[in-house]
C-alpha atoms as a PDB file:
ATOM      1  CA  UNK A   1      26.748 -49.823   5.484  1.00  0.00           C
ATOM      2  CA  UNK A   2      26.554 -49.725   9.122  1.00  0.00           C
ATOM      3  CA  UNK A   3      29.709 -48.042   9.032  1.00  0.00           C
ATOM      4  CA  UNK A   4      28.146 -45.176   7.108  1.00  0.00           C
ATOM      5  CA  UNK A   5      25.379 -44.640   9.346  1.00  0.00           C
ATOM      6  CA  UNK A   6      28.015 -44.437  12.423  1.00  0.00           C
ATOM      7  CA  UNK A   7      29.245 -41.782  10.966  1.00  0.00           C
ATOM      8  CA  UNK A   8      25.648 -39.503   9.840  1.00  0.00           C
ATOM      9  CA  UNK A   9      25.420 -40.085  13.674  1.00  0.00           C
ATOM     10  CA  UNK A  10      29.006 -39.172  15.218  1.00  0.00           C
ATOM     11  CA  UNK A  11      28.596 -36.289  11.857  1.00  0.00           C
ATOM     12  CA  UNK A  12      25.125 -35.161  13.419  1.00  0.00           C
ATOM     13  CA  UNK A  13      26.025 -35.296  17.233  1.00  0.00           C
ATOM     14  CA  UNK A  14      29.329 -33.493  16.829  1.00  0.00           C
ATOM     15  CA  UNK A  15      26.956 -30.454  14.671  1.00  0.00           C
ATOM     16  CA  UNK A  16      24.462 -30.689  17.596  1.00  0.00           C
ATOM     17  CA  UNK A  17      26.752 -30.163  19.945  1.00  0.00           C
ATOM     18  CA  UNK A  18      29.075 -27.482  18.308  1.00  0.00           C
ATOM     19  CA  UNK A  19      25.619 -25.533  18.211  1.00  0.00           C
ATOM     20  CA  UNK A  20      24.926 -26.100  21.863  1.00  0.00           C
ATOM     21  CA  UNK A  21      28.267 -24.641  22.683  1.00  0.00           C
ATOM     22  CA  UNK A  22      27.622 -21.679  20.738  1.00  0.00           C
ATOM     23  CA  UNK A  23      24.317 -20.811  22.044  1.00  0.00           C
ATOM     24  CA  UNK A  24      25.799 -20.839  26.043  1.00  0.00           C
ATOM     25  CA  UNK A  25      28.772 -18.494  24.646  1.00  0.00           C
ATOM     26  CA  UNK A  26      26.649 -17.036  23.055  1.00  0.00           C
ATOM     27  CA  UNK A  27      24.006 -17.295  26.191  1.00  0.00           C
ATOM     28  CA  UNK A  28      26.444 -15.856  28.518  1.00  0.00           C
ATOM     29  CA  UNK A  29      27.458 -12.536  26.632  1.00  0.00           C
ATOM     30  CA  UNK A  30      24.142 -11.488  26.218  1.00  0.00           C
ATOM     31  CA  UNK A  31      22.402 -11.793  28.994  1.00  0.00           C
ATOM     32  CA  UNK A  32      19.440 -14.093  27.963  1.00  0.00           C
ATOM     33  CA  UNK A  33      17.631 -12.642  25.922  1.00  0.00           C
ATOM     34  CA  UNK A  34      18.077 -10.884  22.939  1.00  0.00           C
ATOM     35  CA  UNK A  35      15.760  -7.702  21.911  1.00  0.00           C
ATOM     36  CA  UNK A  36      13.598  -8.241  18.337  1.00  0.00           C
ATOM     37  CA  UNK A  37      11.150  -5.421  17.438  1.00  0.00           C
ATOM     38  CA  UNK A  38      10.936  -3.916  21.722  1.00  0.00           C
ATOM     39  CA  UNK A  39      10.352  -7.723  22.990  1.00  0.00           C
ATOM     40  CA  UNK A  40      12.477  -9.774  24.867  1.00  0.00           C
ATOM     41  CA  UNK A  41      13.588 -12.758  22.817  1.00  0.00           C
ATOM     42  CA  UNK A  42      14.931 -16.029  24.623  1.00  0.00           C
ATOM     43  CA  UNK A  43      17.949 -17.066  23.620  1.00  0.00           C
ATOM     44  CA  UNK A  44      18.019 -21.309  23.058  1.00  0.00           C
ATOM     45  CA  UNK A  45      21.028 -22.946  22.699  1.00  0.00           C
ATOM     46  CA  UNK A  46      23.295 -23.039  18.664  1.00  0.00           C
ATOM     47  CA  UNK A  47      19.632 -22.143  17.360  1.00  0.00           C
ATOM     48  CA  UNK A  48      19.672 -18.246  15.366  1.00  0.00           C
ATOM     49  CA  UNK A  49      17.385 -15.764  16.572  1.00  0.00           C
ATOM     50  CA  UNK A  50      14.227 -15.382  14.175  1.00  0.00           C
ATOM     51  CA  UNK A  51      13.055 -11.967  14.273  1.00  0.00           C
ATOM     52  CA  UNK A  52       9.302 -11.328  12.842  1.00  0.00           C
ATOM     53  CA  UNK A  53       7.604  -8.771  11.133  1.00  0.00           C
ATOM     54  CA  UNK A  54       4.456  -6.996  11.484  1.00  0.00           C
ATOM     55  CA  UNK A  55       2.175  -6.079   9.236  1.00  0.00           C
ATOM     56  CA  UNK A  56       2.165  -2.404  11.212  1.00  0.00           C
ATOM     57  CA  UNK A  57       5.843  -2.327  11.477  1.00  0.00           C
ATOM     58  CA  UNK A  58       6.960   1.170   9.857  1.00  0.00           C
ATOM     59  CA  UNK A  59       9.200   1.325   7.292  1.00  0.00           C
ATOM     60  CA  UNK A  60      11.311   3.937   5.576  1.00  0.00           C
ATOM     61  CA  UNK A  61      13.348   4.430   2.558  1.00  0.00           C
ATOM     62  CA  UNK A  62      14.414   7.847   2.120  1.00  0.00           C
ATOM     63  CA  UNK A  63      15.187  10.244   4.351  1.00  0.00           C
ATOM     64  CA  UNK A  64      10.779  11.003   5.222  1.00  0.00           C
ATOM     65  CA  UNK A  65      10.849  11.511   9.009  1.00  0.00           C
ATOM     66  CA  UNK A  66       9.973   7.829  10.640  1.00  0.00           C
ATOM     67  CA  UNK A  67       7.139   9.876  12.414  1.00  0.00           C
ATOM     68  CA  UNK A  68       5.624  10.579   9.408  1.00  0.00           C
ATOM     69  CA  UNK A  69       5.530   7.253   8.242  1.00  0.00           C
ATOM     70  CA  UNK A  70       4.262   5.808  11.447  1.00  0.00           C
ATOM     71  CA  UNK A  71       1.902   8.525  11.233  1.00  0.00           C
ATOM     72  CA  UNK A  72       0.721   7.697   7.987  1.00  0.00           C
ATOM     73  CA  UNK A  73       0.274   3.882   8.784  1.00  0.00           C
ATOM     74  CA  UNK A  74      -1.108   4.327  11.737  1.00  0.00           C
ATOM     75  CA  UNK A  75      -3.585   1.464  11.865  1.00  0.00           C
ATOM     76  CA  UNK A  76      -1.654  -1.015   9.830  1.00  0.00           C
ATOM     77  CA  UNK A  77       0.553  -1.661   6.582  1.00  0.00           C
ATOM     78  CA  UNK A  78      -1.308  -3.813   3.910  1.00  0.00           C
ATOM     79  CA  UNK A  79       1.812  -5.711   2.815  1.00  0.00           C
ATOM     80  CA  UNK A  80       5.284  -4.716   2.765  1.00  0.00           C
ATOM     81  CA  UNK A  81       6.105  -5.545  -0.607  1.00  0.00           C
ATOM     82  CA  UNK A  82       8.739  -3.485  -2.291  1.00  0.00           C
ATOM     83  CA  UNK A  83       7.537  -0.134   0.135  1.00  0.00           C
ATOM     84  CA  UNK A  84       8.550   3.191  -0.365  1.00  0.00           C
ATOM     85  CA  UNK A  85       7.680   6.658   1.743  1.00  0.00           C
ATOM     86  CA  UNK A  86       7.945   9.424   0.217  1.00  0.00           C
ATOM     87  CA  UNK A  87       7.606  13.282   2.088  1.00  0.00           C
ATOM     88  CA  UNK A  88       3.691  12.660   2.590  1.00  0.00           C
ATOM     89  CA  UNK A  89       2.046   9.162   1.375  1.00  0.00           C
ATOM     90  CA  UNK A  90       3.515   5.745   1.544  1.00  0.00           C
ATOM     91  CA  UNK A  91       3.416   3.019  -1.401  1.00  0.00           C
ATOM     92  CA  UNK A  92       3.859  -0.444  -2.302  1.00  0.00           C
ATOM     93  CA  UNK A  93       5.233  -0.822  -6.022  1.00  0.00           C
ATOM     94  CA  UNK A  94       4.043  -3.724  -7.743  1.00  0.00           C
ATOM     95  CA  UNK A  95       7.110  -4.657 -10.274  1.00  0.00           C
ATOM     96  CA  UNK A  96       5.642  -7.107 -12.510  1.00  0.00           C
ATOM     97  CA  UNK A  97       2.563  -5.041 -13.173  1.00  0.00           C
ATOM     98  CA  UNK A  98       4.309  -1.246 -12.764  1.00  0.00           C
ATOM     99  CA  UNK A  99       1.368   0.319 -10.762  1.00  0.00           C
ATOM    100  CA  UNK A 100       1.533   0.293  -7.112  1.00  0.00           C
ATOM    101  CA  UNK A 101      -0.016  -2.019  -5.304  1.00  0.00           C
ATOM    102  CA  UNK A 102      -1.483  -0.134  -2.661  1.00  0.00           C
ATOM    103  CA  UNK A 103      -0.549   3.975  -1.595  1.00  0.00           C
ATOM    104  CA  UNK A 104      -1.705   5.251   1.828  1.00  0.00           C
ATOM    105  CA  UNK A 105      -2.424   8.696   2.730  1.00  0.00           C
ATOM    106  CA  UNK A 106      -2.999  10.496   5.603  1.00  0.00           C
ATOM    107  CA  UNK A 107      -5.080  13.869   5.374  1.00  0.00           C
ATOM    108  CA  UNK A 108      -5.923  16.647   7.128  1.00  0.00           C
ATOM    109  CA  UNK A 109      -8.026  19.938   6.860  1.00  0.00           C
ATOM    110  CA  UNK A 110      -4.233  21.396   6.488  1.00  0.00           C
ATOM    111  CA  UNK A 111      -2.996  19.461   3.869  1.00  0.00           C
ATOM    112  CA  UNK A 112      -6.137  19.947   1.395  1.00  0.00           C
ATOM    113  CA  UNK A 113      -6.821  23.787   1.805  1.00  0.00           C
ATOM    114  CA  UNK A 114      -6.069  25.484  -1.275  1.00  0.00           C
ATOM    115  CA  UNK A 115      -1.918  26.807  -1.014  1.00  0.00           C
ATOM    116  CA  UNK A 116      -1.003  29.879  -3.006  1.00  0.00           C
ATOM    117  CA  UNK A 117       2.807  28.085  -2.291  1.00  0.00           C
ATOM    118  CA  UNK A 118       1.817  24.938  -4.336  1.00  0.00           C
ATOM    119  CA  UNK A 119       1.566  24.630  -7.862  1.00  0.00           C
ATOM    120  CA  UNK A 120       0.804  22.239  -9.475  1.00  0.00           C
ATOM    121  CA  UNK A 121       1.384  23.052 -13.201  1.00  0.00           C
ATOM    122  CA  UNK A 122       5.126  23.410 -12.098  1.00  0.00           C
ATOM    123  CA  UNK A 123       4.772  19.479 -12.171  1.00  0.00           C
ATOM    124  CA  UNK A 124       6.975  16.919 -14.555  1.00  0.00           C
ATOM    125  CA  UNK A 125       5.685  13.201 -14.562  1.00  0.00           C
ATOM    126  CA  UNK A 126       8.830  11.605 -13.682  1.00  0.00           C
ATOM    127  CA  UNK A 127      10.147   7.805 -13.286  1.00  0.00           C
ATOM    128  CA  UNK A 128      10.970   6.645  -9.918  1.00  0.00           C
ATOM    129  CA  UNK A 129      14.369   5.751 -10.122  1.00  0.00           C
ATOM    130  CA  UNK A 130      14.426   4.227  -6.963  1.00  0.00           C
ATOM    131  CA  UNK A 131      13.388   1.556  -8.252  1.00  0.00           C
ATOM    132  CA  UNK A 132      15.848  -0.693 -10.892  1.00  0.00           C
ATOM    133  CA  UNK A 133      15.301  -0.174 -14.484  1.00  0.00           C
ATOM    134  CA  UNK A 134      14.075  -3.715 -15.062  1.00  0.00           C
ATOM    135  CA  UNK A 135      11.018  -2.467 -13.449  1.00  0.00           C
ATOM    136  CA  UNK A 136      10.556   1.345 -13.795  1.00  0.00           C
ATOM    137  CA  UNK A 137       7.962   2.540 -16.276  1.00  0.00           C
ATOM    138  CA  UNK A 138       8.433   5.159 -17.924  1.00  0.00           C
ATOM    139  CA  UNK A 139       6.252   8.362 -19.842  1.00  0.00           C
ATOM    140  CA  UNK A 140       6.633   6.197 -22.965  1.00  0.00           C
ATOM    141  CA  UNK A 141       4.624   4.071 -21.797  1.00  0.00           C
ATOM    142  CA  UNK A 142       1.921   6.021 -21.709  1.00  0.00           C
ATOM    143  CA  UNK A 143       2.336   8.037 -24.698  1.00  0.00           C
ATOM    144  CA  UNK A 144      -0.971   7.028 -27.384  1.00  0.00           C
ATOM    145  CA  UNK A 145      -1.802   4.688 -25.150  1.00  0.00           C
ATOM    146  CA  UNK A 146      -4.582   5.956 -24.633  1.00  0.00           C
ATOM    147  CA  UNK A 147      -5.449   6.207 -21.143  1.00  0.00           C
ATOM    148  CA  UNK A 148      -4.001   8.554 -18.472  1.00  0.00           C
ATOM    149  CA  UNK A 149      -1.783   8.634 -15.748  1.00  0.00           C
ATOM    150  CA  UNK A 150      -4.092   8.464 -12.956  1.00  0.00           C
ATOM    151  CA  UNK A 151      -2.655   9.273  -9.332  1.00  0.00           C
ATOM    152  CA  UNK A 152      -2.852   7.115  -6.535  1.00  0.00           C
ATOM    153  CA  UNK A 153      -2.141   9.470  -4.207  1.00  0.00           C
ATOM    154  CA  UNK A 154      -3.864  12.817  -5.712  1.00  0.00           C
ATOM    155  CA  UNK A 155      -2.142  15.741  -6.275  1.00  0.00           C
ATOM    156  CA  UNK A 156      -4.688  17.482  -4.015  1.00  0.00           C
ATOM    157  CA  UNK A 157      -4.380  15.902  -1.620  1.00  0.00           C
ATOM    158  CA  UNK A 158      -1.148  17.291  -0.677  1.00  0.00           C
ATOM    159  CA  UNK A 159      -0.684  21.072  -0.782  1.00  0.00           C
ATOM    160  CA  UNK A 160       1.129  21.397   2.272  1.00  0.00           C
ATOM    161  CA  UNK A 161       4.464  21.722   0.463  1.00  0.00           C
ATOM    162  CA  UNK A 162       5.543  22.037  -3.529  1.00  0.00           C
ATOM    163  CA  UNK A 163       7.861  18.945  -2.535  1.00  0.00           C
ATOM    164  CA  UNK A 164       5.006  16.910  -1.398  1.00  0.00           C
ATOM    165  CA  UNK A 165       2.566  17.327  -4.360  1.00  0.00           C
ATOM    166  CA  UNK A 166       5.763  16.874  -6.950  1.00  0.00           C
ATOM    167  CA  UNK A 167       6.505  13.977  -5.404  1.00  0.00           C
ATOM    168  CA  UNK A 168       2.730  12.516  -6.388  1.00  0.00           C
ATOM    169  CA  UNK A 169       3.742  12.536  -9.632  1.00  0.00           C
ATOM    170  CA  UNK A 170       7.007   9.992  -9.820  1.00  0.00           C
ATOM    171  CA  UNK A 171       5.501   6.993 -11.919  1.00  0.00           C
ATOM    172  CA  UNK A 172       5.213   4.649  -9.392  1.00  0.00           C
ATOM    173  CA  UNK A 173       2.252   6.813  -7.879  1.00  0.00           C
ATOM    174  CA  UNK A 174       1.000   5.961 -11.173  1.00  0.00           C
ATOM    175  CA  UNK A 175      -1.460   3.383 -13.214  1.00  0.00           C
ATOM    176  CA  UNK A 176      -2.697   3.315 -15.934  1.00  0.00           C
ATOM    177  CA  UNK A 177      -6.701   4.823 -15.940  1.00  0.00           C
ATOM    178  CA  UNK A 178      -9.409   5.167 -18.943  1.00  0.00           C
ATOM    179  CA  UNK A 179      -9.370   9.022 -19.164  1.00  0.00           C
ATOM    180  CA  UNK A 180     -12.738  10.624 -20.224  1.00  0.00           C
ATOM    181  CA  UNK A 181     -15.830   9.506 -17.821  1.00  0.00           C
ATOM    182  CA  UNK A 182     -13.183   7.790 -14.787  1.00  0.00           C
ATOM    183  CA  UNK A 183      -9.808   9.759 -14.177  1.00  0.00           C
ATOM    184  CA  UNK A 184     -10.817  12.712 -15.446  1.00  0.00           C
ATOM    185  CA  UNK A 185     -15.012  12.958 -13.965  1.00  0.00           C
ATOM    186  CA  UNK A 186     -16.008   9.814 -11.938  1.00  0.00           C
ATOM    187  CA  UNK A 187     -12.320   9.081  -9.491  1.00  0.00           C
ATOM    188  CA  UNK A 188     -11.665  12.767  -9.788  1.00  0.00           C
ATOM    189  CA  UNK A 189     -15.744  12.914  -7.876  1.00  0.00           C
ATOM    190  CA  UNK A 190     -13.901  10.403  -5.681  1.00  0.00           C
ATOM    191  CA  UNK A 191     -11.111  12.407  -4.804  1.00  0.00           C
ATOM    192  CA  UNK A 192     -12.566  14.880  -3.770  1.00  0.00           C
ATOM    193  CA  UNK A 193     -14.989  13.641  -1.594  1.00  0.00           C
ATOM    194  CA  UNK A 194     -12.223  11.989   0.163  1.00  0.00           C
ATOM    195  CA  UNK A 195     -10.896  15.818   0.329  1.00  0.00           C
ATOM    196  CA  UNK A 196     -14.287  16.936   1.878  1.00  0.00           C
ATOM    197  CA  UNK A 197     -14.249  14.673   4.551  1.00  0.00           C
ATOM    198  CA  UNK A 198     -11.401  16.583   6.241  1.00  0.00           C
ATOM    199  CA  UNK A 199     -14.229  19.268   7.517  1.00  0.00           C
ATOM    200  CA  UNK A 200     -16.199  16.788   9.427  1.00  0.00           C
ATOM    201  CA  UNK A 201     -13.192  14.787  10.691  1.00  0.00           C
ATOM    202  CA  UNK A 202     -10.069  16.184  12.281  1.00  0.00           C
ATOM    203  CA  UNK A 203      -8.668  12.578  10.239  1.00  0.00           C
ATOM    204  CA  UNK A 204      -8.409  11.212   7.315  1.00  0.00           C
ATOM    205  CA  UNK A 205      -7.087   7.617   6.074  1.00  0.00           C
ATOM    206  CA  UNK A 206      -6.899   6.612   2.620  1.00  0.00           C
ATOM    207  CA  UNK A 207      -5.797   3.761   0.886  1.00  0.00           C
ATOM    208  CA  UNK A 208      -6.362   3.254  -2.816  1.00  0.00           C
ATOM    209  CA  UNK A 209      -4.566   0.729  -5.644  1.00  0.00           C
ATOM    210  CA  UNK A 210      -5.807  -1.698  -8.841  1.00  0.00           C
ATOM    211  CA  UNK A 211      -7.691  -4.565  -9.178  1.00  0.00           C
ATOM    212  CA  UNK A 212      -7.460  -7.076 -11.735  1.00  0.00           C
ATOM    213  CA  UNK A 213     -11.236  -8.925 -11.579  1.00  0.00           C
ATOM    214  CA  UNK A 214     -12.247 -11.995 -13.127  1.00  0.00           C
ATOM    215  CA  UNK A 215     -14.517 -11.652 -15.358  1.00  0.00           C
ATOM    216  CA  UNK A 216     -16.772 -14.675 -17.814  1.00  0.00           C
ATOM    217  CA  UNK A 217     -16.102 -15.973 -21.004  1.00  0.00           C
ATOM    218  CA  UNK A 218     -17.921 -16.853 -23.426  1.00  0.00           C
ATOM    219  CA  UNK A 219     -16.794 -20.423 -23.028  1.00  0.00           C
ATOM    220  CA  UNK A 220     -19.123 -19.897 -19.535  1.00  0.00           C
ATOM    221  CA  UNK A 221     -15.242 -19.498 -17.714  1.00  0.00           C
ATOM    222  CA  UNK A 222     -13.781 -17.086 -15.287  1.00  0.00           C
ATOM    223  CA  UNK A 223     -10.542 -15.325 -16.625  1.00  0.00           C
ATOM    224  CA  UNK A 224      -8.604 -12.213 -15.040  1.00  0.00           C
ATOM    225  CA  UNK A 225      -7.933 -10.357 -18.012  1.00  0.00           C
ATOM    226  CA  UNK A 226      -6.049  -6.744 -18.826  1.00  0.00           C
ATOM    227  CA  UNK A 227      -3.877  -5.178 -21.039  1.00  0.00           C
ATOM    228  CA  UNK A 228      -0.663  -3.330 -20.984  1.00  0.00           C
ATOM    229  CA  UNK A 229       0.977  -0.893 -22.043  1.00  0.00           C
ATOM    230  CA  UNK A 230       4.444   0.388 -23.810  1.00  0.00           C
ATOM    231  CA  UNK A 231       7.618  -1.238 -23.692  1.00  0.00           C
ATOM    232  CA  UNK A 232       7.517  -2.020 -20.075  1.00  0.00           C
ATOM    233  CA  UNK A 233       4.490  -3.713 -20.377  1.00  0.00           C
ATOM    234  CA  UNK A 234       2.475  -1.580 -18.139  1.00  0.00           C
ATOM    235  CA  UNK A 235      -1.346  -3.383 -16.575  1.00  0.00           C
ATOM    236  CA  UNK A 236      -4.359  -1.273 -16.986  1.00  0.00           C
ATOM    237  CA  UNK A 237      -6.144  -2.600 -13.827  1.00  0.00           C
ATOM    238  CA  UNK A 238      -9.938  -3.323 -14.592  1.00  0.00           C
ATOM    239  CA  UNK A 239     -10.700  -1.665 -11.665  1.00  0.00           C
ATOM    240  CA  UNK A 240      -9.893   0.459  -9.038  1.00  0.00           C
ATOM    241  CA  UNK A 241     -10.921   1.140  -4.720  1.00  0.00           C
ATOM    242  CA  UNK A 242     -10.356   3.111  -2.047  1.00  0.00           C
ATOM    243  CA  UNK A 243     -10.631   2.263   1.431  1.00  0.00           C
ATOM    244  CA  UNK A 244     -10.894   5.209   4.165  1.00  0.00           C
ATOM    245  CA  UNK A 245     -11.121   5.037   7.890  1.00  0.00           C
ATOM    246  CA  UNK A 246     -12.278   8.499   9.052  1.00  0.00           C
ATOM    247  CA  UNK A 247     -11.539   9.586  12.426  1.00  0.00           C
ATOM    248  CA  UNK A 248     -13.474  12.273  14.450  1.00  0.00           C
ATOM    249  CA  UNK A 249     -12.695  14.432  17.614  1.00  0.00           C
ATOM    250  CA  UNK A 250     -14.581  12.568  19.651  1.00  0.00           C
ATOM    251  CA  UNK A 251     -12.184   9.451  18.819  1.00  0.00           C
ATOM    252  CA  UNK A 252     -15.212   7.299  16.398  1.00  0.00           C
ATOM    253  CA  UNK A 253     -13.718   5.909  13.493  1.00  0.00           C
ATOM    254  CA  UNK A 254     -15.807   5.501  10.049  1.00  0.00           C
ATOM    255  CA  UNK A 255     -14.908   3.594   7.105  1.00  0.00           C
ATOM    256  CA  UNK A 256     -16.198   3.435   3.583  1.00  0.00           C
ATOM    257  CA  UNK A 257     -14.398   1.570   0.821  1.00  0.00           C
ATOM    258  CA  UNK A 258     -14.892   1.559  -2.752  1.00  0.00           C
ATOM    259  CA  UNK A 259     -14.964  -0.411  -6.044  1.00  0.00           C
ATOM    260  CA  UNK A 260     -14.689   1.667  -9.425  1.00  0.00           C
ATOM    261  CA  UNK A 261     -14.357  -0.245 -13.054  1.00  0.00           C
ATOM    262  CA  UNK A 262     -11.542   1.787 -15.211  1.00  0.00           C
ATOM    263  CA  UNK A 263     -14.079   2.863 -17.770  1.00  0.00           C
ATOM    264  CA  UNK A 264     -16.012   5.576 -18.892  1.00  0.00           C
ATOM    265  CA  UNK A 265     -19.254   5.963 -16.009  1.00  0.00           C
ATOM    266  CA  UNK A 266     -21.907   8.283 -16.288  1.00  0.00           C
ATOM    267  CA  UNK A 267     -21.295  11.343 -14.697  1.00  0.00           C
ATOM    268  CA  UNK A 268     -24.240  12.196 -12.456  1.00  0.00           C
ATOM    269  CA  UNK A 269     -23.286   8.842 -10.320  1.00  0.00           C
ATOM    270  CA  UNK A 270     -23.101   9.211  -6.621  1.00  0.00           C
ATOM    271  CA  UNK A 271     -19.572   8.196  -4.935  1.00  0.00           C
ATOM    272  CA  UNK A 272     -22.343   6.402  -3.121  1.00  0.00           C
ATOM    273  CA  UNK A 273     -23.160   3.596  -5.982  1.00  0.00           C
ATOM    274  CA  UNK A 274     -20.138   1.836  -6.090  1.00  0.00           C
ATOM    275  CA  UNK A 275     -19.774   1.074  -1.751  1.00  0.00           C
ATOM    276  CA  UNK A 276     -18.009  -2.012  -1.429  1.00  0.00           C
ATOM    277  CA  UNK A 277     -18.084  -4.260   1.962  1.00  0.00           C
ATOM    278  CA  UNK A 278     -14.188  -3.904   2.558  1.00  0.00           C
ATOM    279  CA  UNK A 279     -13.909  -7.744   2.864  1.00  0.00           C
ATOM    280  CA  UNK A 280     -14.817  -8.103  -0.623  1.00  0.00           C
ATOM    281  CA  UNK A 281     -11.822  -5.242  -1.437  1.00  0.00           C
ATOM    282  CA  UNK A 282      -9.287  -7.583   0.122  1.00  0.00           C
ATOM    283  CA  UNK A 283     -10.052 -10.587  -1.072  1.00  0.00           C
ATOM    284  CA  UNK A 284      -9.257  -9.667  -4.423  1.00  0.00           C
ATOM    285  CA  UNK A 285      -6.518  -7.847  -3.940  1.00  0.00           C
ATOM    286  CA  UNK A 286      -4.979 -10.102  -1.624  1.00  0.00           C
ATOM    287  CA  UNK A 287      -4.507  -7.244   1.080  1.00  0.00           C
ATOM    288  CA  UNK A 288      -5.887  -6.336   4.906  1.00  0.00           C
ATOM    289  CA  UNK A 289      -6.312  -2.938   4.953  1.00  0.00           C
ATOM    290  CA  UNK A 290      -6.531  -1.240   8.746  1.00  0.00           C
ATOM    291  CA  UNK A 291      -5.043  -4.518  10.233  1.00  0.00           C
ATOM    292  CA  UNK A 292      -4.776  -2.612  13.663  1.00  0.00           C
ATOM    293  CA  UNK A 293      -8.203  -1.498  13.808  1.00  0.00           C
ATOM    294  CA  UNK A 294     -10.750  -3.738  14.625  1.00  0.00           C
ATOM    295  CA  UNK A 295     -13.386  -3.753  12.476  1.00  0.00           C
ATOM    296  CA  UNK A 296     -15.586  -4.013  15.885  1.00  0.00           C
ATOM    297  CA  UNK A 297     -14.052  -0.882  17.310  1.00  0.00           C
ATOM    298  CA  UNK A 298     -15.617   0.966  13.931  1.00  0.00           C
ATOM    299  CA  UNK A 299     -18.902   3.168  14.205  1.00  0.00           C
ATOM    300  CA  UNK A 300     -20.283   2.732  10.837  1.00  0.00           C
ATOM    301  CA  UNK A 301     -19.043   1.002   7.821  1.00  0.00           C
ATOM    302  CA  UNK A 302     -20.768   2.978   4.344  1.00  0.00           C
ATOM    303  CA  UNK A 303     -22.645   4.446   6.187  1.00  0.00           C
ATOM    304  CA  UNK A 304     -24.376   1.886   8.692  1.00  0.00           C
ATOM    305  CA  UNK A 305     -23.936   1.520  12.142  1.00  0.00           C
ATOM    306  CA  UNK A 306     -21.889  -1.861  13.318  1.00  0.00           C
END
């Protein structure tokens, strides 16, 4: 028993010494530090360097210019799960539910104004082949389901180029929405409201996504229940959210946050009816929106002075 313990001690000592000398060699070769995310990190003998990934670190997955991604995500990433960056918007894809976690857009007057060179009717709903086939939604999933392929990044928000609007038709940007009374009406009204903000503010940052909220069942307990559609079991969210930060020419920032149930809603209901405190969406979605922006720096939230 004693000899085994001595053997274990000897093995651990050998590993420790080897690690120390390797660390000393690395140390001599690298001036005592490495650069991780632009910051010098001191080396420790025999230990690896672990870099951290901030929720505000830009990520690009295609030929999208890094500076455009950084511009869209100026105030931080809500999460870094399966991020896809397109030419004019960025999203995080939920591979289990086959819909986005969130979609981020940066809008200006130029982005939303009418452009005769852009024709939405030429766009087709298309599966995103960058997603593994196991987790990809298909047009067949929506066929005869009774739900619309609802844009998270609205097509009307991306009129700078035909390619931009076409990319909003990737199925990674879609979630099943009730058509009559919601996608084509109440939700469309909210999208138009966000576009109108560009007439007042120089920059509008919009994050959109699905929610799966609990409800009390007859047994008195709360359950999270939602329908799935198609062979790929695409999840039908119970609700959808939008969180918007609008930046004025004077640098002042206003925030608006909305939640709408995924059901037929009255046409004459003002969008302000659906305003909620942004933290309620964060708790429900498990995301932090605009995490690089301190709430105390905001001028107003949902129209009310901070």
